[in-house]
Amino acid sequence: MENITVIIMLLFGVAFLSLVSKRYNFPIPIVLVLCGVVISIFPGLPVIALSPEIVFIIFLPPLLYHAAWHTSWSDFKQSIRPITFAAVGLVFFTTGLVAVFAHWLIDDMSWPLAFLLGAIVSPPDAVSATAITKGLGLNPRLIAILEGESLVNDASGLVAYKYALTAITAGNFVLWQAGLNFVLMSALGIAIGLTVGYIMFYIHKRFVCDDIIEVTLTLLTPFASYLLAEHFEGSGVLAVVTTGLFLAARSGTIFSHESRIMTNTIWDVLNNILNGLIFILIGLQLRQIIAGISNYSGNSLFIWGAVISVVVILVRFLWVVPATMIPRMISKRIREKEAFDYRNMIIFGWSGMRGVVSMAAALALPLMLNKTEAFPLRNLIIYLVFCVILSTLVIQGLTLPWLIKKLKIERYSILAEEYNVRNVIVSETIAHIEDNFSLLNDELLHNIKSKYEVKFNRLQKTELPANFFGNGKLLGGEIFNDFTKIQIDLLNVERAKLESMHKSGSVNEEIFRKIEKELDLEETRLWMEMYEEN
């Protein structure tokens, strides 16, 4: 009971620091990793460790599902080539080079343990990439590649992680079998993810009519997808990501506006708690972990942590240049279709922040190799993983805005794109009014049309007319209800056009989610304002 109290109090502290980070525009992943350091040196706190078997199940499915839910399938599909290169090739390349340096640097580090360390630190983190690059004005294509890479690379890294564990525990490893199994696990994971996604789509569409049940199902879906894939020896990570992408692309047709508002809010809260909780747990274990590696000198530990961190950072640059340039040299279509700016390569190379997934993988290492023998170098591996996370988040995360400024990258104006999308939606709605509501009462038609004309005028940066609603006259209850219902119908027209633009890939994901939320909130307000006679 005392341990639960400590965790709750620490979560309060993390929540407070999150508020501070929002206020001063400081990336929350950096706050969390620094919290872990502070917690580890705070005297009197207990050591709390979750069972390694349940770490992945608790943290991985919801965090990946939340990241997938906020990723545009259209952007993902358009950038599938660079995402695949980074998410598969770069992950295995990083795993191999980190293993070489770790084996060379640390005498006790066998090849299987070195590959295990490389697999854990190889995948950049989706949450960290999104949180740190948000608001920096980067090109949407670059952000789509970073977010897509961070989703898929967890599957590659965790497959390498699983085979390294097998080599340690069973003592055997065959490269060609591992490669074949990777393809089979990936294909099976994607197939199961699509199956679960379609089943949940059908359930939401046909049977669910209660907001609470709908939200409950969305919370259970990633766990079902993950556990089902793992049961059939597929990739649970790819299953969760596939299910998330599949349902997110169809959220406008299967959820009511109330469900979407509730679901997004609850998922944001859950994501924040899980991210805070995992760094609290590592902070509470760090003292014990440091004690477990006390047989190594402090100088050696510092050098090992620094070297592995530098290798993780530099290997990304070694990969990104040929991975970008070779396809352009080979394919004329790529040269004509994709604009090239060397500065984006530098930003991509400097955006490989590690985070919560690597930390969860480290904490999930088994305590015992067998019934009598402890898992070799477990504490040292967790320490090195934490060094990599701390280095990449603090050094790369804090200097990324400075680097963008130094490279003089023109800030991408998402506001201009948003204005264009809003103009299209409002113009389409006005045309719908003119085509379908010409027989309405003149006053009612005027009020309906003037609302959207005001929206259009505001988009043209004209001032909002004073008292534009109702010309100063009060409408009767019946007319008011008719007016409200028509507004709700027109919101559905706006929503349908927005969904159509989203499906065609002509609207940025951030803009889509923002306008969708506005429409949901507006519909909620209108239903609450509906006049009811006693």
Protein backbone atom coordinates (compact mmCIF):
# COMPACT_ATOMS: atom_id res chain seq x y z
CA MET A 1 0.00 0.00 0.00
CA GLU A 2 2.88 2.33 0.81
CA ASN A 3 4.39 1.76 -2.65
CA ILE A 4 1.10 2.63 -4.35
CA THR A 5 0.95 5.86 -2.32
CA VAL A 6 4.48 6.75 -3.41
CA ILE A 7 3.67 6.14 -7.10
CA ILE A 8 0.49 8.25 -6.91
CA MET A 9 2.34 11.13 -5.24
CA LEU A 10 5.08 10.93 -7.87
CA LEU A 11 2.44 10.96 -10.62
CA PHE A 12 1.10 14.17 -9.08
CA GLY A 13 4.62 15.56 -9.34
CA VAL A 14 4.93 14.50 -12.97
CA ALA A 15 1.54 16.06 -13.75
CA PHE A 16 2.67 19.34 -12.18
CA LEU A 17 5.92 19.30 -14.15
CA SER A 18 3.90 18.60 -17.30
CA LEU A 19 1.96 21.80 -16.64
CA VAL A 20 5.22 23.70 -16.23
CA SER A 21 6.60 22.21 -19.47
CA LYS A 22 3.42 23.28 -21.32
CA ARG A 23 3.63 26.76 -19.92
CA TYR A 24 7.27 27.24 -20.91
CA ASN A 25 7.12 25.19 -24.13
CA PHE A 26 9.56 22.55 -22.87
CA PRO A 27 9.20 19.06 -24.44
CA ILE A 28 7.54 16.68 -21.99
CA PRO A 29 9.75 13.62 -22.85
CA ILE A 30 12.80 15.56 -21.66
CA VAL A 31 10.97 16.50 -18.46
CA LEU A 32 10.12 12.83 -17.85
CA VAL A 33 13.65 11.50 -18.31
CA LEU A 34 15.02 14.20 -16.03
CA CYS A 35 12.32 13.27 -13.50
CA GLY A 36 13.67 9.73 -13.59
CA VAL A 37 17.15 11.00 -12.73
CA VAL A 38 15.86 13.16 -9.85
CA ILE A 39 13.74 10.30 -8.44
CA SER A 40 16.76 7.98 -8.50
CA ILE A 41 18.81 10.28 -6.26
CA PHE A 42 15.95 11.27 -3.93
CA PRO A 43 16.60 9.58 -0.55
CA GLY A 44 14.10 7.33 1.18
CA LEU A 45 12.06 6.23 -1.85
CA PRO A 46 11.34 2.49 -2.18
CA VAL A 47 12.58 0.27 -5.02
CA ILE A 48 9.56 -0.82 -7.09
CA ALA A 49 9.87 -3.25 -9.98
CA LEU A 50 7.12 -4.66 -12.16
CA SER A 51 7.35 -8.26 -13.28
CA PRO A 52 9.27 -8.21 -16.60
CA GLU A 53 6.61 -10.44 -18.22
CA ILE A 54 3.89 -7.80 -17.88
CA VAL A 55 5.89 -4.64 -18.71
CA PHE A 56 5.30 -4.99 -22.45
CA ILE A 57 1.63 -5.86 -22.01
CA ILE A 58 0.92 -2.83 -19.80
CA PHE A 59 2.87 -0.17 -21.68
CA LEU A 60 3.45 -1.16 -25.29
CA PRO A 61 -0.08 -1.71 -26.76
CA PRO A 62 -1.71 1.53 -25.54
CA LEU A 63 1.31 3.75 -26.31
CA LEU A 64 1.69 2.39 -29.85
CA TYR A 65 -2.06 2.51 -30.47
CA HIS A 66 -2.23 6.14 -29.37
CA ALA A 67 0.67 7.04 -31.68
CA ALA A 68 -0.90 5.13 -34.60
CA TRP A 69 -4.27 6.81 -34.00
CA HIS A 70 -2.67 10.22 -34.55
CA THR A 71 -0.76 9.18 -37.68
CA SER A 72 -2.21 9.94 -41.11
CA TRP A 73 -2.57 6.79 -43.23
CA SER A 74 -2.43 8.93 -46.37
CA ASP A 75 0.89 10.52 -45.33
CA PHE A 76 2.17 7.13 -44.18
CA LYS A 77 1.32 5.51 -47.53
CA GLN A 78 2.92 8.30 -49.56
CA SER A 79 6.18 8.00 -47.59
CA ILE A 80 6.30 4.20 -47.37
CA ARG A 81 9.71 3.89 -49.09
CA PRO A 82 11.75 6.13 -46.74
CA ILE A 83 9.76 4.84 -43.77
CA THR A 84 10.62 1.24 -44.67
CA PHE A 85 14.30 2.06 -45.21
CA ALA A 86 14.49 3.75 -41.81
CA ALA A 87 12.20 1.41 -39.90
CA VAL A 88 13.83 -1.81 -41.07
CA GLY A 89 17.24 -1.11 -42.61
CA LEU A 90 18.34 1.58 -40.17
CA VAL A 91 17.15 -0.42 -37.15
CA PHE A 92 19.17 -3.51 -38.10
CA PHE A 93 22.15 -1.36 -39.10
CA THR A 94 22.05 0.39 -35.71
CA THR A 95 21.66 -2.93 -33.89
CA GLY A 96 24.75 -4.32 -35.62
CA LEU A 97 27.03 -1.31 -35.12
CA VAL A 98 26.05 -0.85 -31.48
CA ALA A 99 26.71 -4.56 -30.92
CA VAL A 100 30.19 -4.27 -32.48
CA PHE A 101 31.17 -1.31 -30.30
CA ALA A 102 29.62 -2.76 -27.13
CA HIS A 103 31.41 -6.11 -27.62
CA TRP A 104 34.71 -4.34 -28.33
CA LEU A 105 34.37 -1.86 -25.48
CA ILE A 106 33.10 -4.04 -22.62
CA ASP A 107 35.04 -7.21 -21.84
CA ASP A 108 32.08 -9.01 -20.22
CA MET A 109 29.71 -8.23 -23.09
CA SER A 110 29.21 -11.37 -25.21
CA TRP A 111 27.96 -11.10 -28.80
CA PRO A 112 24.36 -12.11 -27.96
CA LEU A 113 24.25 -9.55 -25.09
CA ALA A 114 25.77 -6.88 -27.37
CA PHE A 115 23.12 -7.54 -30.03
CA LEU A 116 20.44 -7.42 -27.32
CA LEU A 117 21.64 -3.96 -26.25
CA GLY A 118 21.72 -2.83 -29.90
CA ALA A 119 18.18 -4.07 -30.50
CA ILE A 120 16.84 -2.21 -27.45
CA VAL A 121 18.36 1.18 -28.37
CA SER A 122 17.86 0.88 -32.17
CA PRO A 123 14.27 2.18 -32.58
CA PRO A 124 13.60 5.93 -32.08
CA ASP A 125 10.47 6.68 -30.09
CA ALA A 126 7.18 7.82 -31.68
CA VAL A 127 6.08 9.82 -28.63
CA SER A 128 9.41 11.64 -28.34
CA ALA A 129 9.63 12.40 -32.07
CA THR A 130 6.12 13.85 -32.13
CA ALA A 131 6.45 15.85 -28.91
CA ILE A 132 9.83 17.41 -29.73
CA THR A 133 9.23 18.22 -33.42
CA LYS A 134 5.74 19.64 -32.82
CA GLY A 135 5.54 23.37 -33.42
CA LEU A 136 8.97 23.63 -35.08
CA GLY A 137 7.49 24.31 -38.54
CA LEU A 138 9.08 21.26 -40.20
CA ASN A 139 7.89 20.07 -43.59
CA PRO A 140 4.87 17.73 -43.16
CA ARG A 141 6.54 15.04 -45.30
CA LEU A 142 9.55 14.99 -42.96
CA ILE A 143 7.27 14.75 -39.92
CA ALA A 144 5.30 11.94 -41.60
CA ILE A 145 8.53 10.00 -42.18
CA LEU A 146 9.69 10.53 -38.59
CA GLU A 147 6.34 9.46 -37.12
CA GLY A 148 5.94 6.51 -39.52
CA GLU A 149 9.47 5.33 -38.85
CA SER A 150 8.91 5.52 -35.10
CA LEU A 151 5.80 3.36 -35.40
CA VAL A 152 7.13 0.57 -37.61
CA ASN A 153 10.71 0.43 -36.32
CA ASP A 154 9.50 -0.87 -32.94
CA ALA A 155 8.52 -4.08 -34.71
CA SER A 156 11.99 -4.46 -36.28
CA GLY A 157 13.75 -3.62 -33.02
CA LEU A 158 11.62 -5.95 -30.93
CA VAL A 159 12.06 -8.83 -33.38
CA ALA A 160 15.84 -8.39 -33.11
CA TYR A 161 15.37 -8.11 -29.33
CA LYS A 162 13.43 -11.39 -29.24
CA TYR A 163 16.03 -13.29 -31.27
CA ALA A 164 18.90 -11.91 -29.19
CA LEU A 165 17.07 -13.14 -26.06
CA THR A 166 16.63 -16.55 -27.70
CA ALA A 167 20.35 -16.70 -28.48
CA ILE A 168 21.14 -15.91 -24.82
CA THR A 169 18.64 -18.27 -23.21
CA ALA A 170 18.70 -21.16 -25.70
CA GLY A 171 22.23 -20.64 -27.01
CA ASN A 172 21.35 -20.90 -30.70
CA PHE A 173 20.79 -18.41 -33.51
CA VAL A 174 20.57 -18.99 -37.28
CA LEU A 175 20.62 -15.81 -39.37
CA TRP A 176 18.59 -17.02 -42.35
CA GLN A 177 15.93 -18.47 -40.05
CA ALA A 178 15.73 -15.17 -38.17
CA GLY A 179 15.29 -13.28 -41.46
CA LEU A 180 12.56 -15.61 -42.68
CA ASN A 181 10.79 -15.52 -39.32
CA PHE A 182 10.92 -11.72 -39.35
CA VAL A 183 9.03 -11.65 -42.67
CA LEU A 184 6.51 -14.26 -41.46
CA MET A 185 5.97 -12.54 -38.08
CA SER A 186 5.51 -9.16 -39.79
CA ALA A 187 3.01 -10.50 -42.32
CA LEU A 188 1.07 -12.39 -39.65
CA GLY A 189 1.06 -9.35 -37.34
CA ILE A 190 -0.30 -7.08 -40.09
CA ALA A 191 -2.95 -9.67 -41.05
CA ILE A 192 -4.12 -10.05 -37.44
CA GLY A 193 -4.10 -6.27 -36.99
CA LEU A 194 -6.31 -5.81 -40.06
CA THR A 195 -8.64 -8.60 -38.89
CA VAL A 196 -9.06 -7.09 -35.42
CA GLY A 197 -9.48 -3.63 -36.99
CA TYR A 198 -12.23 -4.82 -39.32
CA ILE A 199 -14.04 -6.70 -36.53
CA MET A 200 -13.95 -3.64 -34.27
CA PHE A 201 -15.04 -1.42 -37.17
CA TYR A 202 -18.06 -3.68 -37.74
CA ILE A 203 -18.90 -3.76 -34.00
CA HIS A 204 -18.66 0.03 -33.65
CA LYS A 205 -20.63 0.59 -36.84
CA ARG A 206 -23.45 -1.91 -36.27
CA PHE A 207 -23.91 -2.54 -32.58
CA VAL A 208 -22.45 0.12 -30.29
CA CYS A 209 -24.80 2.96 -29.41
CA ASP A 210 -23.43 4.00 -26.01
CA ASP A 211 -20.51 6.41 -25.60
CA ILE A 212 -19.12 4.72 -22.47
CA ILE A 213 -19.10 1.27 -24.09
CA GLU A 214 -17.54 2.72 -27.24
CA VAL A 215 -14.68 4.30 -25.28
CA THR A 216 -14.23 1.09 -23.26
CA LEU A 217 -13.87 -0.92 -26.47
CA THR A 218 -11.24 1.48 -27.82
CA LEU A 219 -9.22 1.00 -24.61
CA LEU A 220 -9.39 -2.79 -24.93
CA THR A 221 -8.73 -2.99 -28.69
CA PRO A 222 -4.91 -2.54 -28.65
CA PHE A 223 -4.53 -5.20 -25.93
CA ALA A 224 -6.70 -7.63 -27.91
CA SER A 225 -4.71 -7.02 -31.10
CA TYR A 226 -1.35 -7.36 -29.33
CA LEU A 227 -2.17 -10.48 -27.31
CA LEU A 228 -3.82 -12.24 -30.26
CA ALA A 229 -0.79 -11.62 -32.50
CA GLU A 230 1.65 -12.72 -29.80
CA HIS A 231 -0.41 -15.88 -29.18
CA PHE A 232 -0.03 -16.89 -32.84
CA GLU A 233 3.65 -15.83 -32.82
CA GLY A 234 3.11 -12.80 -35.01
CA SER A 235 4.37 -9.27 -34.41
CA GLY A 236 2.18 -7.79 -31.67
CA VAL A 237 3.67 -4.36 -32.36
CA LEU A 238 2.72 -4.38 -36.05
CA ALA A 239 -0.71 -5.77 -35.17
CA VAL A 240 -1.41 -2.86 -32.81
CA VAL A 241 -0.07 -0.27 -35.27
CA THR A 242 -2.12 -1.77 -38.14
CA THR A 243 -5.31 -1.82 -36.08
CA GLY A 244 -4.73 1.76 -34.95
CA LEU A 245 -4.11 3.05 -38.49
CA PHE A 246 -7.12 1.11 -39.86
CA LEU A 247 -9.60 2.43 -37.27
CA ALA A 248 -8.19 5.97 -37.15
CA ALA A 249 -8.75 6.34 -40.90
CA ARG A 250 -12.42 5.40 -40.33
CA SER A 251 -13.08 7.15 -37.02
CA GLY A 252 -15.30 9.75 -38.70
CA THR A 253 -17.79 7.11 -39.80
CA ILE A 254 -17.91 4.82 -36.75
CA PHE A 255 -17.89 7.24 -33.81
CA SER A 256 -20.42 9.86 -32.79
CA HIS A 257 -19.16 13.35 -31.99
CA GLU A 258 -19.59 12.67 -28.25
CA SER A 259 -17.60 9.43 -28.49
CA ARG A 260 -14.76 11.11 -30.37
CA ILE A 261 -14.44 13.90 -27.82
CA MET A 262 -14.52 11.45 -24.92
CA THR A 263 -12.19 8.95 -26.59
CA ASN A 264 -9.55 11.52 -27.53
CA THR A 265 -9.59 13.02 -24.05
CA ILE A 266 -9.30 9.69 -22.23
CA TRP A 267 -6.54 8.45 -24.53
CA ASP A 268 -4.52 11.64 -24.04
CA VAL A 269 -4.82 11.24 -20.27
CA LEU A 270 -3.86 7.54 -20.40
CA ASN A 271 -0.90 8.25 -22.67
CA ASN A 272 0.36 10.95 -20.32
CA ILE A 273 0.03 8.69 -17.26
CA LEU A 274 1.79 5.72 -18.88
CA ASN A 275 4.69 7.85 -20.10
CA GLY A 276 5.09 9.35 -16.65
CA LEU A 277 4.72 5.99 -14.91
CA ILE A 278 7.47 4.20 -16.84
CA PHE A 279 10.04 6.89 -16.06
CA ILE A 280 8.94 6.89 -12.43
CA LEU A 281 9.51 3.13 -12.34
CA ILE A 282 12.97 3.41 -13.87
CA GLY A 283 13.79 6.23 -11.44
CA LEU A 284 12.76 4.04 -8.50
CA GLN A 285 14.97 1.21 -9.81
CA LEU A 286 18.01 3.24 -10.88
CA ARG A 287 19.57 3.28 -7.42
CA GLN A 288 19.39 -0.51 -7.26
CA ILE A 289 20.65 -0.78 -10.85
CA ILE A 290 23.64 1.46 -10.08
CA ALA A 291 24.35 -0.63 -6.99
CA GLY A 292 24.26 -3.74 -9.19
CA ILE A 293 27.07 -2.39 -11.39
CA SER A 294 29.22 -1.09 -8.53
CA ASN A 295 31.95 -3.57 -9.47
CA TYR A 296 32.72 -1.37 -12.50
CA SER A 297 34.57 1.92 -12.03
CA GLY A 298 32.62 5.15 -12.41
CA ASN A 299 35.03 6.25 -15.14
CA SER A 300 34.38 3.10 -17.17
CA LEU A 301 30.59 3.41 -16.78
CA PHE A 302 30.70 7.02 -17.97
CA ILE A 303 32.85 6.17 -21.01
CA TRP A 304 30.68 3.19 -21.98
CA GLY A 305 27.47 5.20 -21.69
CA ALA A 306 28.96 8.11 -23.68
CA VAL A 307 30.43 5.91 -26.45
CA ILE A 308 27.23 3.87 -26.97
CA SER A 309 25.20 7.10 -27.05
CA VAL A 310 27.55 8.69 -29.63
CA VAL A 311 27.40 5.54 -31.79
CA VAL A 312 23.58 5.59 -31.70
CA ILE A 313 23.57 9.25 -32.78
CA LEU A 314 26.23 8.98 -35.52
CA VAL A 315 25.01 5.73 -37.10
CA ARG A 316 21.83 7.53 -38.16
CA PHE A 317 23.87 9.94 -40.27
CA LEU A 318 25.88 7.07 -41.76
CA TRP A 319 22.61 5.56 -42.95
CA VAL A 320 20.54 8.55 -44.01
CA VAL A 321 22.89 9.92 -46.68
CA PRO A 322 23.13 6.78 -48.89
CA ALA A 323 19.50 5.83 -48.12
CA THR A 324 18.41 9.24 -49.46
CA MET A 325 20.85 9.72 -52.34
CA ILE A 326 21.02 6.22 -53.92
CA PRO A 327 17.26 5.95 -54.73
CA ARG A 328 17.42 9.46 -56.24
CA MET A 329 20.38 8.50 -58.44
CA ILE A 330 18.68 5.30 -59.60
CA SER A 331 15.11 6.57 -60.16
CA LYS A 332 14.21 9.52 -62.36
CA ARG A 333 10.63 9.35 -61.04
CA ILE A 334 11.83 9.96 -57.47
CA ARG A 335 13.95 12.93 -58.61
CA GLU A 336 10.97 14.49 -60.39
CA LYS A 337 8.40 13.73 -57.70
CA GLU A 338 10.29 14.44 -54.47
CA ALA A 339 11.95 17.77 -53.82
CA PHE A 340 15.42 17.47 -52.30
CA ASP A 341 16.88 19.63 -49.54
CA TYR A 342 20.05 18.43 -47.82
CA ARG A 343 18.96 20.28 -44.69
CA ASN A 344 16.09 17.82 -44.22
CA MET A 345 18.65 14.98 -44.15
CA ILE A 346 20.46 16.74 -41.31
CA ILE A 347 17.23 17.30 -39.37
CA PHE A 348 16.22 13.66 -39.88
CA GLY A 349 19.63 12.51 -38.69
CA TRP A 350 19.39 14.66 -35.57
CA SER A 351 15.83 13.55 -34.72
CA GLY A 352 16.56 10.01 -33.53
CA MET A 353 15.43 10.47 -29.93
CA ARG A 354 14.97 7.28 -27.93
CA GLY A 355 12.27 7.02 -25.31
CA VAL A 356 9.60 4.98 -23.63
CA VAL A 357 9.67 1.89 -25.89
CA SER A 358 13.40 1.35 -25.35
CA MET A 359 12.88 1.83 -21.63
CA ALA A 360 10.03 -0.68 -21.56
CA ALA A 361 12.15 -3.20 -23.49
CA ALA A 362 15.00 -2.80 -20.98
CA LEU A 363 12.70 -3.20 -17.98
CA ALA A 364 11.18 -6.32 -19.61
CA LEU A 365 14.51 -8.18 -19.53
CA PRO A 366 14.06 -11.34 -17.44
CA LEU A 367 15.48 -11.36 -13.95
CA MET A 368 16.72 -14.95 -14.22
CA LEU A 369 18.35 -16.81 -17.09
CA ASN A 370 17.18 -20.06 -15.56
CA LYS A 371 16.06 -21.18 -12.13
CA THR A 372 19.52 -20.83 -10.62
CA GLU A 373 21.35 -18.23 -12.73
CA ALA A 374 20.66 -14.49 -12.87
CA PHE A 375 20.31 -12.86 -16.29
CA PRO A 376 23.83 -11.71 -17.27
CA LEU A 377 24.61 -7.98 -17.20
CA ARG A 378 20.93 -7.02 -16.81
CA ASN A 379 21.70 -3.97 -14.67
CA LEU A 380 24.49 -2.82 -16.98
CA ILE A 381 22.25 -3.08 -20.06
CA ILE A 382 19.46 -1.08 -18.38
CA TYR A 383 22.00 1.55 -17.30
CA LEU A 384 23.38 1.88 -20.86
CA VAL A 385 19.84 2.12 -22.30
CA PHE A 386 19.02 4.91 -19.86
CA CYS A 387 22.25 6.72 -20.87
CA VAL A 388 21.20 6.56 -24.54
CA ILE A 389 17.69 7.84 -23.76
CA LEU A 390 19.03 10.64 -21.57
CA SER A 391 21.66 11.66 -24.13
CA THR A 392 19.41 11.62 -27.19
CA LEU A 393 16.47 13.35 -25.51
CA VAL A 394 18.46 16.05 -23.72
CA ILE A 395 21.23 16.71 -26.25
CA GLN A 396 19.29 16.21 -29.49
CA GLY A 397 15.90 17.28 -28.18
CA LEU A 398 17.10 20.57 -26.71
CA THR A 399 19.35 21.50 -29.64
CA LEU A 400 16.92 20.61 -32.44
CA PRO A 401 15.21 24.06 -32.48
CA TRP A 402 18.65 25.72 -32.52
CA LEU A 403 19.77 23.48 -35.40
CA ILE A 404 16.67 24.33 -37.44
CA LYS A 405 17.36 28.01 -36.88
CA LYS A 406 21.04 27.67 -37.84
CA LEU A 407 20.17 25.81 -41.04
CA LYS A 408 17.78 28.66 -41.90
CA ILE A 409 14.99 26.26 -42.79
CA GLU A 410 11.93 28.19 -43.90
CA ARG A 411 9.14 27.54 -41.45
CA TYR A 412 6.35 25.55 -43.06
CA SER A 413 3.12 27.53 -42.72
CA ILE A 414 0.49 25.05 -41.64
CA LEU A 415 -1.77 28.07 -40.99
CA ALA A 416 -1.88 28.85 -44.73
CA GLU A 417 -2.85 25.27 -45.50
CA GLU A 418 -5.49 25.35 -42.75
CA TYR A 419 -7.05 28.51 -44.23
CA ASN A 420 -7.23 26.85 -47.63
CA VAL A 421 -8.94 23.74 -46.19
CA ARG A 422 -11.44 25.88 -44.27
CA ASN A 423 -12.21 27.92 -47.39
CA VAL A 424 -13.00 24.77 -49.37
CA ILE A 425 -15.27 23.39 -46.61
CA VAL A 426 -17.19 26.65 -46.07
CA SER A 427 -17.60 27.29 -49.82
CA GLU A 428 -18.95 23.76 -50.29
CA THR A 429 -21.42 24.26 -47.43
CA ILE A 430 -22.67 27.59 -48.81
CA ALA A 431 -23.20 25.94 -52.20
CA HIS A 432 -25.14 23.14 -50.47
CA ILE A 433 -27.39 25.73 -48.75
CA GLU A 434 -28.12 27.47 -52.04
CA ASP A 435 -28.92 24.16 -53.77
CA ASN A 436 -31.04 22.53 -51.07
CA PHE A 437 -32.64 25.15 -48.82
CA SER A 438 -34.05 27.71 -51.26
CA LEU A 439 -37.66 26.99 -50.16
CA LEU A 440 -37.05 27.74 -46.48
CA ASN A 441 -38.56 30.69 -44.65
CA ASP A 442 -36.64 33.80 -45.78
CA GLU A 443 -35.55 34.78 -42.28
CA LEU A 444 -34.46 31.23 -41.46
CA LEU A 445 -32.57 30.91 -44.76
CA HIS A 446 -30.89 34.27 -44.17
CA ASN A 447 -29.71 33.29 -40.69
CA ILE A 448 -28.44 29.91 -41.85
CA LYS A 449 -26.59 31.30 -44.83
CA SER A 450 -25.23 34.33 -42.97
CA LYS A 451 -23.55 32.06 -40.41
CA TYR A 452 -21.39 30.48 -43.13
CA GLU A 453 -20.90 33.76 -44.93
CA VAL A 454 -19.51 35.14 -41.68
CA LYS A 455 -17.17 32.14 -41.50
CA PHE A 456 -16.10 32.82 -45.07
CA ASN A 457 -15.56 36.53 -44.36
CA ARG A 458 -13.51 35.71 -41.29
CA LEU A 459 -11.32 33.49 -43.41
CA GLN A 460 -10.77 36.44 -45.75
CA LYS A 461 -9.56 38.32 -42.64
CA THR A 462 -12.50 40.71 -42.54
CA GLU A 463 -13.91 41.78 -39.20
CA LEU A 464 -16.81 39.83 -37.75
CA PRO A 465 -20.01 41.90 -38.12
CA ALA A 466 -21.58 42.92 -34.83
CA ASN A 467 -24.95 41.31 -34.00
CA PHE A 468 -24.89 39.19 -37.15
CA PHE A 469 -27.22 36.60 -35.68
CA GLY A 470 -30.96 37.24 -35.97
CA ASN A 471 -30.68 40.98 -36.78
CA GLY A 472 -31.32 41.77 -33.14
CA LYS A 473 -34.66 39.91 -33.05
CA LEU A 474 -35.47 36.95 -30.80
CA LEU A 475 -36.60 33.83 -32.61
CA GLY A 476 -39.45 31.72 -31.30
CA GLY A 477 -38.77 28.27 -29.85
CA GLU A 478 -39.96 26.38 -32.92
CA ILE A 479 -37.99 28.53 -35.36
CA PHE A 480 -34.97 28.34 -33.07
CA ASN A 481 -35.13 24.52 -33.00
CA ASP A 482 -35.47 24.39 -36.79
CA PHE A 483 -32.50 26.73 -37.06
CA THR A 484 -30.46 24.53 -34.69
CA LYS A 485 -31.34 21.29 -36.50
CA ILE A 486 -30.36 22.75 -39.86
CA GLN A 487 -27.04 23.91 -38.37
CA ILE A 488 -26.45 20.33 -37.18
CA ASP A 489 -27.27 19.00 -40.66
CA LEU A 490 -24.83 21.47 -42.17
CA LEU A 491 -22.16 20.45 -39.69
CA ASN A 492 -22.56 16.95 -41.10
CA VAL A 493 -22.04 18.40 -44.59
CA GLU A 494 -18.84 20.07 -43.36
CA ARG A 495 -17.76 16.83 -41.70
CA ALA A 496 -18.44 14.79 -44.86
CA LYS A 497 -16.35 17.17 -46.97
CA LEU A 498 -13.55 17.11 -44.41
CA GLU A 499 -13.63 13.29 -44.36
CA SER A 500 -13.52 13.23 -48.17
CA MET A 501 -10.47 15.51 -48.21
CA HIS A 502 -8.83 13.39 -45.51
CA LYS A 503 -9.35 10.18 -47.46
CA SER A 504 -7.91 11.73 -50.61
CA GLY A 505 -4.84 12.94 -48.70
CA SER A 506 -5.47 16.63 -49.46
CA VAL A 507 -5.60 17.73 -45.82
CA ASN A 508 -2.82 17.60 -43.25
CA GLU A 509 -3.50 15.22 -40.32
CA GLU A 510 -3.04 17.96 -37.71
CA ILE A 511 -5.50 20.23 -39.53
CA PHE A 512 -7.95 17.36 -39.97
CA ARG A 513 -7.97 16.51 -36.27
CA LYS A 514 -8.28 20.17 -35.26
CA ILE A 515 -11.27 20.90 -37.53
CA GLU A 516 -12.89 17.56 -36.68
CA LYS A 517 -12.69 18.44 -32.99
CA GLU A 518 -14.17 21.89 -33.65
CA LEU A 519 -17.11 20.34 -35.49
CA ASP A 520 -17.67 17.81 -32.70
CA LEU A 521 -17.63 20.53 -30.04
CA GLU A 522 -19.95 22.72 -32.12
CA GLU A 523 -22.43 19.85 -32.54
CA THR A 524 -22.33 19.15 -28.80
CA ARG A 525 -23.05 22.82 -28.09
CA LEU A 526 -25.96 22.92 -30.54
CA TRP A 527 -27.63 19.83 -29.08
CA MET A 528 -27.30 21.32 -25.59
CA GLU A 529 -28.84 24.59 -26.80
CA MET A 530 -31.88 22.89 -28.32
CA TYR A 531 -34.99 24.58 -26.94
CA GLU A 532 -37.27 22.24 -24.99
CA GLU A 533 -40.78 23.28 -23.98
CA ASN A 534 -42.00 22.12 -20.54
